[in-house]
């Protein structure tokens, strides 16, 4: 199945896939980081925004928020959720804005959708161009050297359309710049069971490599992947929250 085909076909179920995510906590944490590290202003852009749940929380907190994604069905739902926001179909590795913004976010490890080091560098350059002086870029990432291919996260949701079980996990062969996000979705309706499998190509990068890409453009702070506390990253952490101030 082509990349993004599963998300397009099942865009009606995307929010169920992410039902266990605390969007409010994530959004609030980044709003605090904007006050502490950024310029404190409120023009915000969310990369790979999906159906817009993070944008909704930023709007509710008084931000002037917008979003971009490559998936039009997702953006159609985002526009319903956030009618006051502007959404655009753009590639996060080659996007532009009409006016510079104060804060750019990229949640849910979506920075890895850049799929190669070259495109990741292009994404970082696009972000730098789009930010005001002193603007902030916040995203989360996984270190390729810490990936355990045996680990999967799963949750189940019961709705009128059926019982859905969503599973996802990182897979890395141990070399190169390519890893995969493996997805499995099971839908049970009565006696019928449908199962979808998908594998999305993602860029594999260590935190040291990621910092090296960022530091020509940003002052970089690498924090624990904790949306309740602001802590420097521990030595063996495999997930991190990157807080980057435009130089």
Protein backbone atom coordinates (compact mmCIF):
# COMPACT_ATOMS: atom_id res chain seq x y z
CA UNK A 1 0.00 0.00 0.00
CA UNK A 2 1.47 3.43 -0.91
CA UNK A 3 2.60 5.82 1.81
CA UNK A 4 -0.37 7.80 3.19
CA UNK A 5 -2.93 5.57 1.44
CA UNK A 6 -3.97 4.04 4.74
CA UNK A 7 -4.39 7.46 6.34
CA UNK A 8 -6.37 8.71 3.36
CA UNK A 9 -8.63 5.68 3.23
CA UNK A 10 -9.16 5.69 7.00
CA UNK A 11 -9.11 9.42 7.64
CA UNK A 12 -12.51 9.05 9.29
CA UNK A 13 -10.82 6.83 11.89
CA UNK A 14 -7.60 8.79 12.38
CA UNK A 15 -8.82 10.43 15.58
CA UNK A 16 -9.67 6.98 16.95
CA UNK A 17 -6.14 5.88 16.14
CA UNK A 18 -4.86 8.72 18.30
CA UNK A 19 -7.53 8.50 21.00
CA UNK A 20 -4.99 7.80 23.74
CA UNK A 21 -2.99 10.99 23.06
CA UNK A 22 -3.33 13.91 25.48
CA UNK A 23 -3.35 16.73 22.92
CA UNK A 24 -4.18 19.32 25.55
CA UNK A 25 -1.17 18.44 27.73
CA UNK A 26 1.17 18.46 24.74
CA UNK A 27 -0.14 21.80 23.50
CA UNK A 28 -0.02 23.40 26.94
CA UNK A 29 3.57 22.23 27.47
CA UNK A 30 4.74 23.84 24.24
CA UNK A 31 2.86 27.03 25.08
CA UNK A 32 4.90 27.18 28.32
CA UNK A 33 8.10 26.56 26.37
CA UNK A 34 7.19 29.44 24.04
CA UNK A 35 6.96 31.72 27.06
CA UNK A 36 10.27 30.48 28.50
CA UNK A 37 12.43 30.06 25.40
CA UNK A 38 10.66 31.87 22.57
CA UNK A 39 9.57 35.44 21.89
CA UNK A 40 6.27 35.01 23.76
CA UNK A 41 4.19 35.94 20.71
CA UNK A 42 1.31 33.93 19.35
CA UNK A 43 1.56 33.40 15.58
CA UNK A 44 1.74 29.59 15.35
CA UNK A 45 2.12 26.99 12.60
CA UNK A 46 1.68 23.24 13.13
CA UNK A 47 3.50 20.97 10.66
CA UNK A 48 1.87 17.64 9.72
CA UNK A 49 -1.21 18.88 11.59
CA UNK A 50 -3.51 16.00 10.61
CA UNK A 51 -7.09 16.65 11.65
CA UNK A 52 -6.08 19.67 13.73
CA UNK A 53 -6.43 18.66 17.41
CA UNK A 54 -3.27 20.50 18.47
CA UNK A 55 -4.31 23.56 16.45
CA UNK A 56 -7.65 23.55 18.29
CA UNK A 57 -5.91 23.75 21.68
CA UNK A 58 -3.59 26.53 20.52
CA UNK A 59 -6.55 28.53 19.23
CA UNK A 60 -8.37 28.06 22.52
CA UNK A 61 -5.28 29.37 24.35
CA UNK A 62 -5.34 32.60 22.32
CA UNK A 63 -2.83 31.73 19.60
CA UNK A 64 -3.30 32.66 15.96
CA UNK A 65 -2.81 29.16 14.72
CA UNK A 66 -2.55 27.52 11.30
CA UNK A 67 -1.55 24.12 9.96
CA UNK A 68 -0.19 22.27 6.98
CA UNK A 69 -0.29 18.65 5.90
CA UNK A 70 0.08 16.70 2.65
CA UNK A 71 -3.23 14.91 3.17
CA UNK A 72 -6.31 16.81 1.99
CA UNK A 73 -8.91 14.54 3.69
CA UNK A 74 -7.17 15.23 7.02
CA UNK A 75 -7.23 18.97 6.38
CA UNK A 76 -10.92 18.85 5.48
CA UNK A 77 -11.58 17.54 8.98
CA UNK A 78 -9.17 20.04 10.51
CA UNK A 79 -11.12 22.88 8.87
CA UNK A 80 -14.35 21.63 10.47
CA UNK A 81 -12.66 21.36 13.88
CA UNK A 82 -10.94 24.74 13.57
CA UNK A 83 -12.95 26.97 11.19
CA UNK A 84 -11.04 30.08 12.27
CA UNK A 85 -7.65 28.61 11.30
CA UNK A 86 -5.95 28.53 7.91
CA UNK A 87 -4.86 25.13 6.58
CA UNK A 88 -2.78 24.41 3.50
CA UNK A 89 -1.67 21.34 1.58
CA UNK A 90 2.11 21.63 1.70
CA UNK A 91 5.14 19.40 2.10
CA UNK A 92 6.82 20.22 5.43
CA UNK A 93 10.22 19.79 3.74
CA UNK A 94 9.53 22.55 1.22
CA UNK A 95 6.90 24.89 2.64
CA UNK A 96 6.55 28.64 2.71
CA UNK A 97 4.49 31.15 4.69
CA UNK A 98 3.07 34.52 3.71
CA UNK A 99 4.37 36.11 6.92
CA UNK A 100 6.94 34.85 9.44
CA UNK A 101 5.54 33.09 12.52
CA UNK A 102 6.63 32.99 16.15
CA UNK A 103 6.23 29.29 16.88
CA UNK A 104 6.38 26.17 14.71
CA UNK A 105 5.44 22.77 16.12
CA UNK A 106 5.64 19.24 14.79
CA UNK A 107 4.03 16.73 17.16
CA UNK A 108 3.70 12.94 17.24
CA UNK A 109 7.20 12.26 15.85
CA UNK A 110 6.03 13.59 12.50
CA UNK A 111 9.45 15.16 11.84
CA UNK A 112 10.50 11.63 10.85
CA UNK A 113 8.10 11.71 7.89
CA UNK A 114 10.80 13.69 6.09
CA UNK A 115 12.07 10.15 5.29
CA UNK A 116 15.71 11.02 4.47
CA UNK A 117 18.52 13.11 5.95
CA UNK A 118 18.48 15.37 2.88
CA UNK A 119 14.77 16.09 3.26
CA UNK A 120 15.11 16.48 7.03
CA UNK A 121 17.75 19.16 6.44
CA UNK A 122 15.39 20.82 3.95
CA UNK A 123 12.59 20.76 6.54
CA UNK A 124 14.85 22.42 9.12
CA UNK A 125 15.84 25.10 6.58
CA UNK A 126 12.17 25.73 5.70
CA UNK A 127 11.34 26.12 9.39
CA UNK A 128 14.22 28.55 9.90
CA UNK A 129 13.06 30.72 6.99
CA UNK A 130 9.47 30.74 8.26
CA UNK A 131 10.28 31.89 11.80
CA UNK A 132 10.59 35.37 13.21
CA UNK A 133 13.95 36.26 14.84
CA UNK A 134 13.97 34.49 18.19
CA UNK A 135 11.14 32.24 17.03
CA UNK A 136 10.76 28.73 18.43
CA UNK A 137 10.67 25.32 16.77
CA UNK A 138 9.38 22.46 18.98
CA UNK A 139 9.13 18.81 17.98
CA UNK A 140 9.65 15.31 19.35
CA UNK A 141 11.95 12.66 17.91
CA UNK A 142 13.25 9.15 18.46
CA UNK A 143 16.95 8.19 18.45
CA UNK A 144 17.66 5.42 15.92
CA UNK A 145 20.32 3.95 18.21
CA UNK A 146 17.71 3.35 20.94
CA UNK A 147 14.95 1.70 18.89
CA UNK A 148 13.73 -1.69 20.13
CA UNK A 149 12.03 -3.45 17.22
CA UNK A 150 10.12 -5.68 19.64
CA UNK A 151 8.10 -2.84 21.16
CA UNK A 152 4.59 -1.96 19.96
CA UNK A 153 2.04 0.40 21.45
CA UNK A 154 -1.61 -0.65 21.21
CA UNK A 155 -5.02 0.58 22.27
CA UNK A 156 -8.62 -0.44 21.55
CA UNK A 157 -11.64 1.80 20.94
CA UNK A 158 -15.28 0.73 20.74
CA UNK A 159 -17.53 2.93 18.59
CA UNK A 160 -20.76 2.47 16.65
CA UNK A 161 -18.83 1.44 13.52
CA UNK A 162 -17.11 -1.41 15.36
CA UNK A 163 -14.28 -2.32 17.69
CA UNK A 164 -10.90 -0.98 16.57
CA UNK A 165 -7.47 -2.03 17.79
CA UNK A 166 -4.56 0.16 16.71
CA UNK A 167 -0.92 -0.94 17.04
CA UNK A 168 2.25 0.86 16.02
CA UNK A 169 5.98 0.42 16.46
CA UNK A 170 9.33 1.58 15.17
CA UNK A 171 11.53 -0.76 13.15
CA UNK A 172 15.20 -0.11 12.33
CA UNK A 173 17.55 -2.60 10.68
CA UNK A 174 20.57 -1.10 12.46
CA UNK A 175 22.25 0.79 9.60
CA UNK A 176 21.44 3.61 7.23
CA UNK A 177 19.11 6.59 7.33
CA UNK A 178 15.82 4.74 6.86
CA UNK A 179 13.57 3.32 9.56
CA UNK A 180 9.90 2.42 9.41
CA UNK A 181 6.75 3.09 11.37
CA UNK A 182 4.76 -0.13 11.25
CA UNK A 183 0.99 0.12 11.72
CA UNK A 184 -1.72 -2.45 12.22
CA UNK A 185 -5.43 -1.67 12.43
CA UNK A 186 -8.04 -4.30 13.24
CA UNK A 187 -11.75 -3.59 12.92
CA UNK A 188 -14.30 -6.06 14.31
CA UNK A 189 -17.95 -5.65 13.38
CA UNK A 190 -20.17 -8.53 14.46
CA UNK A 191 -18.58 -11.69 13.07
CA UNK A 192 -16.44 -9.84 10.52
CA UNK A 193 -12.81 -8.90 11.18
CA UNK A 194 -10.86 -6.61 8.84
CA UNK A 195 -7.15 -5.96 9.24
CA UNK A 196 -4.95 -3.33 7.61
CA UNK A 197 -1.15 -3.35 7.67
CA UNK A 198 0.98 -0.44 6.60
CA UNK A 199 4.64 0.58 6.82
CA UNK A 200 5.68 4.19 6.48
CA UNK A 201 9.28 5.06 5.54
CA UNK A 202 10.73 7.40 8.16
CA UNK A 203 14.12 9.06 8.53
CA UNK A 204 16.48 7.34 10.99
CA UNK A 205 18.67 9.78 12.88
CA UNK A 206 20.52 9.84 16.19
CA UNK A 207 20.06 12.76 18.56
CA UNK A 208 23.68 13.78 17.96
CA UNK A 209 23.09 13.82 14.19
CA UNK A 210 19.88 15.77 14.64
CA UNK A 211 21.60 18.36 16.81
CA UNK A 212 24.33 18.75 14.18
CA UNK A 213 21.66 19.52 11.55
CA UNK A 214 19.89 22.02 13.81
CA UNK A 215 22.76 23.94 15.39
CA UNK A 216 23.77 26.04 12.36
CA UNK A 217 20.25 27.51 12.48
CA UNK A 218 19.14 27.25 16.12
CA UNK A 219 20.14 27.30 19.74
CA UNK A 220 19.11 23.75 20.65
CA UNK A 221 17.75 22.43 23.96
CA UNK A 222 17.12 18.68 24.20
CA UNK A 223 14.62 17.83 26.94
CA UNK A 224 13.09 14.72 28.44
CA UNK A 225 10.02 13.54 26.55
CA UNK A 226 7.79 14.70 29.40
CA UNK A 227 4.95 17.15 28.80
CA UNK A 228 4.47 17.73 32.54
CA UNK A 229 8.03 18.72 33.50
CA UNK A 230 10.91 20.58 31.88
CA UNK A 231 14.00 18.44 32.41
CA UNK A 232 17.28 17.93 30.52
CA UNK A 233 17.36 14.63 28.68
CA UNK A 234 18.78 11.63 30.52
CA UNK A 235 21.75 9.75 29.12
CA UNK A 236 19.93 6.66 27.88
CA UNK A 237 16.67 8.23 26.69
CA UNK A 238 15.41 7.13 23.29
CA UNK A 239 12.71 9.83 22.94
CA UNK A 240 13.25 13.56 23.31
CA UNK A 241 11.57 16.91 23.02
CA UNK A 242 13.63 19.36 20.97
CA UNK A 243 13.25 23.07 21.73
CA UNK A 244 15.05 25.19 19.13
CA UNK A 245 15.44 28.99 19.20
CA UNK A 246 16.15 30.66 15.85
CA UNK A 247 19.59 32.23 15.75
